[in-house]
N, C-alpha and C. Protein backbone atom coordinates (compact mmCIF):
# COMPACT_ATOMS: atom_id res chain seq x y z
N MET A 1 2.72 2.25 -12.28
CA MET A 1 3.17 1.81 -11.00
C MET A 1 4.29 0.80 -11.20
N SER A 2 5.34 0.92 -10.40
CA SER A 2 6.43 -0.05 -10.51
C SER A 2 7.19 -0.09 -9.20
N THR A 3 8.03 -1.09 -9.03
CA THR A 3 8.86 -1.14 -7.83
C THR A 3 10.09 -0.28 -8.06
N TYR A 4 10.79 0.04 -6.99
CA TYR A 4 11.95 0.93 -7.07
C TYR A 4 13.04 0.30 -7.91
N PRO A 5 13.34 0.85 -9.05
CA PRO A 5 14.48 0.33 -9.80
C PRO A 5 15.79 0.70 -9.09
N THR A 6 16.83 -0.01 -9.42
CA THR A 6 18.13 0.25 -8.80
C THR A 6 18.53 1.71 -8.90
N SER A 7 18.17 2.36 -9.99
CA SER A 7 18.56 3.76 -10.19
C SER A 7 17.91 4.71 -9.18
N LEU A 8 16.88 4.27 -8.46
CA LEU A 8 16.22 5.13 -7.48
C LEU A 8 16.77 4.98 -6.07
N ARG A 9 17.69 4.10 -5.87
CA ARG A 9 18.19 3.86 -4.51
C ARG A 9 18.83 5.08 -3.88
N GLY A 10 19.35 6.01 -4.66
CA GLY A 10 19.97 7.21 -4.12
C GLY A 10 19.03 8.40 -4.04
N VAL A 11 17.77 8.22 -4.39
CA VAL A 11 16.80 9.31 -4.38
C VAL A 11 16.54 9.75 -2.94
N GLN A 12 16.46 11.05 -2.72
CA GLN A 12 16.21 11.60 -1.39
C GLN A 12 14.70 11.71 -1.16
N TRP A 13 14.16 10.79 -0.40
CA TRP A 13 12.74 10.79 -0.10
C TRP A 13 12.44 11.74 1.04
N ARG A 14 11.29 12.39 0.96
CA ARG A 14 10.83 13.30 2.02
C ARG A 14 9.53 12.74 2.58
N LYS A 15 9.33 12.92 3.86
CA LYS A 15 8.08 12.51 4.48
C LYS A 15 7.68 13.57 5.50
N SER A 16 6.46 13.52 5.93
CA SER A 16 5.93 14.49 6.88
C SER A 16 6.70 14.44 8.19
N GLN A 17 6.89 15.59 8.79
CA GLN A 17 7.51 15.64 10.11
C GLN A 17 6.60 15.02 11.16
N LYS A 18 5.32 14.84 10.82
CA LYS A 18 4.36 14.24 11.74
C LYS A 18 4.35 12.72 11.64
N CYS A 19 5.17 12.17 10.80
CA CYS A 19 5.24 10.71 10.63
C CYS A 19 6.03 10.14 11.80
N GLU A 20 5.35 9.49 12.71
CA GLU A 20 6.01 8.95 13.90
C GLU A 20 6.35 7.47 13.78
N SER A 21 5.57 6.75 12.97
CA SER A 21 5.76 5.30 12.91
C SER A 21 6.88 4.87 11.97
N GLY A 22 7.25 5.74 11.04
CA GLY A 22 8.25 5.38 10.03
C GLY A 22 7.62 4.73 8.82
N ALA A 23 6.37 4.31 8.93
CA ALA A 23 5.65 3.70 7.80
C ALA A 23 4.76 4.77 7.19
N CYS A 24 5.35 5.63 6.39
CA CYS A 24 4.63 6.78 5.87
C CYS A 24 4.79 6.88 4.35
N VAL A 25 4.05 7.79 3.80
CA VAL A 25 4.17 8.07 2.37
C VAL A 25 5.41 8.94 2.16
N GLY A 26 6.24 8.55 1.21
CA GLY A 26 7.41 9.33 0.85
C GLY A 26 7.22 9.97 -0.51
N VAL A 27 7.78 11.15 -0.67
CA VAL A 27 7.70 11.89 -1.93
C VAL A 27 9.12 12.28 -2.34
N ALA A 28 9.42 12.14 -3.60
CA ALA A 28 10.76 12.48 -4.09
C ALA A 28 10.67 13.09 -5.48
N ARG A 29 11.55 14.03 -5.74
CA ARG A 29 11.68 14.59 -7.09
C ARG A 29 12.67 13.73 -7.84
N TYR A 30 12.31 13.36 -9.06
CA TYR A 30 13.16 12.52 -9.89
C TYR A 30 13.12 13.07 -11.30
N GLY A 31 14.05 13.96 -11.61
CA GLY A 31 14.05 14.61 -12.92
C GLY A 31 12.80 15.44 -13.08
N GLU A 32 12.05 15.16 -14.11
CA GLU A 32 10.81 15.89 -14.39
C GLU A 32 9.58 15.22 -13.80
N PHE A 33 9.79 14.37 -12.80
CA PHE A 33 8.69 13.64 -12.19
C PHE A 33 8.71 13.77 -10.67
N VAL A 34 7.58 13.48 -10.07
CA VAL A 34 7.46 13.37 -8.63
C VAL A 34 7.07 11.92 -8.35
N LEU A 35 7.82 11.27 -7.47
CA LEU A 35 7.56 9.89 -7.11
C LEU A 35 6.89 9.83 -5.74
N VAL A 36 5.97 8.90 -5.57
CA VAL A 36 5.28 8.71 -4.30
C VAL A 36 5.36 7.23 -3.97
N GLY A 37 5.83 6.93 -2.77
CA GLY A 37 5.95 5.53 -2.37
C GLY A 37 5.99 5.37 -0.87
N SER A 38 6.25 4.17 -0.43
CA SER A 38 6.32 3.83 0.99
C SER A 38 7.74 4.05 1.50
N THR A 39 7.87 4.78 2.60
CA THR A 39 9.20 5.01 3.16
C THR A 39 9.73 3.79 3.90
N SER A 40 8.85 2.89 4.30
CA SER A 40 9.30 1.73 5.07
C SER A 40 9.47 0.47 4.23
N ASN A 41 8.98 0.50 2.97
CA ASN A 41 9.06 -0.70 2.14
C ASN A 41 9.49 -0.32 0.72
N PRO A 42 10.78 -0.34 0.45
CA PRO A 42 11.27 0.04 -0.88
C PRO A 42 10.85 -0.92 -1.98
N GLU A 43 10.31 -2.08 -1.63
CA GLU A 43 9.84 -3.04 -2.64
C GLU A 43 8.38 -2.79 -3.02
N ALA A 44 7.71 -1.91 -2.29
CA ALA A 44 6.30 -1.61 -2.58
C ALA A 44 6.21 -0.81 -3.88
N PRO A 45 5.05 -0.82 -4.51
CA PRO A 45 4.87 -0.04 -5.75
C PRO A 45 5.09 1.45 -5.51
N ILE A 46 5.54 2.14 -6.54
CA ILE A 46 5.64 3.60 -6.49
C ILE A 46 4.77 4.18 -7.59
N TYR A 47 4.38 5.40 -7.39
CA TYR A 47 3.57 6.11 -8.38
C TYR A 47 4.40 7.26 -8.91
N LYS A 48 4.29 7.52 -10.20
CA LYS A 48 5.06 8.58 -10.84
C LYS A 48 4.09 9.59 -11.43
N PHE A 49 4.26 10.85 -11.01
CA PHE A 49 3.45 11.95 -11.51
C PHE A 49 4.32 12.88 -12.34
N THR A 50 3.75 13.47 -13.38
CA THR A 50 4.43 14.60 -14.02
C THR A 50 4.36 15.77 -13.04
N LEU A 51 5.16 16.80 -13.26
CA LEU A 51 5.11 17.96 -12.37
C LEU A 51 3.73 18.62 -12.42
N ASP A 52 3.15 18.72 -13.61
CA ASP A 52 1.80 19.29 -13.72
C ASP A 52 0.77 18.40 -13.03
N GLY A 53 0.89 17.10 -13.20
CA GLY A 53 -0.03 16.16 -12.57
C GLY A 53 0.04 16.24 -11.05
N TRP A 54 1.26 16.39 -10.52
CA TRP A 54 1.45 16.52 -9.08
C TRP A 54 0.82 17.82 -8.57
N SER A 55 1.02 18.90 -9.30
CA SER A 55 0.41 20.18 -8.90
C SER A 55 -1.11 20.08 -8.88
N GLU A 56 -1.67 19.42 -9.89
CA GLU A 56 -3.12 19.24 -9.94
C GLU A 56 -3.60 18.38 -8.76
N PHE A 57 -2.86 17.31 -8.46
CA PHE A 57 -3.22 16.45 -7.35
C PHE A 57 -3.23 17.24 -6.04
N LEU A 58 -2.17 18.02 -5.79
CA LEU A 58 -2.11 18.81 -4.56
C LEU A 58 -3.24 19.83 -4.48
N ALA A 59 -3.57 20.45 -5.61
CA ALA A 59 -4.68 21.42 -5.62
C ALA A 59 -5.98 20.71 -5.28
N ASP A 60 -6.21 19.52 -5.80
CA ASP A 60 -7.42 18.76 -5.50
C ASP A 60 -7.48 18.38 -4.02
N VAL A 61 -6.33 18.01 -3.44
CA VAL A 61 -6.29 17.68 -2.02
C VAL A 61 -6.68 18.91 -1.20
N LYS A 62 -6.11 20.05 -1.53
CA LYS A 62 -6.41 21.28 -0.80
C LYS A 62 -7.88 21.68 -0.92
N LEU A 63 -8.50 21.34 -2.04
CA LEU A 63 -9.92 21.63 -2.24
C LEU A 63 -10.82 20.64 -1.51
N GLY A 64 -10.23 19.58 -0.97
CA GLY A 64 -11.02 18.59 -0.24
C GLY A 64 -11.61 17.50 -1.12
N ASP A 65 -11.12 17.37 -2.34
CA ASP A 65 -11.67 16.37 -3.25
C ASP A 65 -11.48 14.94 -2.75
N PHE A 66 -10.57 14.71 -1.82
CA PHE A 66 -10.32 13.36 -1.33
C PHE A 66 -10.77 13.19 0.11
N THR A 67 -11.53 14.12 0.62
CA THR A 67 -12.02 14.03 1.99
C THR A 67 -13.12 12.97 2.05
N ARG A 68 -13.02 12.13 3.04
CA ARG A 68 -14.03 11.09 3.20
C ARG A 68 -15.31 11.68 3.73
N SER A 69 -16.42 11.17 3.23
CA SER A 69 -17.71 11.57 3.79
C SER A 69 -17.91 10.78 5.08
N PRO A 70 -18.77 11.25 5.98
CA PRO A 70 -19.00 10.52 7.24
C PRO A 70 -19.45 9.07 6.99
N ASP A 71 -20.11 8.82 5.86
CA ASP A 71 -20.59 7.47 5.56
C ASP A 71 -19.47 6.49 5.23
N THR A 72 -18.32 7.01 4.76
CA THR A 72 -17.22 6.12 4.33
C THR A 72 -16.03 6.15 5.28
N ALA A 73 -16.12 6.93 6.34
CA ALA A 73 -15.01 7.04 7.29
C ALA A 73 -14.80 5.71 8.01
N ARG A 74 -13.56 5.44 8.36
CA ARG A 74 -13.26 4.22 9.11
C ARG A 74 -13.92 4.29 10.48
N LYS A 75 -14.33 3.15 10.95
CA LYS A 75 -14.96 3.09 12.28
C LYS A 75 -14.06 2.39 13.24
């Protein structure tokens, strides 16, 4: 995890079309990596995934591995 280095200032971040507030998760391709960070706060930490790691993460999301159980859902 690190903050956006100067070299990332030109990176084209993508966010969901359903993001209405502007404070959303952004995803960007950076060479052989996928970056994930805050679209509203460029000083916030970013996460860097390898392409394989990103594919595995997306597959786990689609399988529901990160779905909250009713006991842990926000109230």
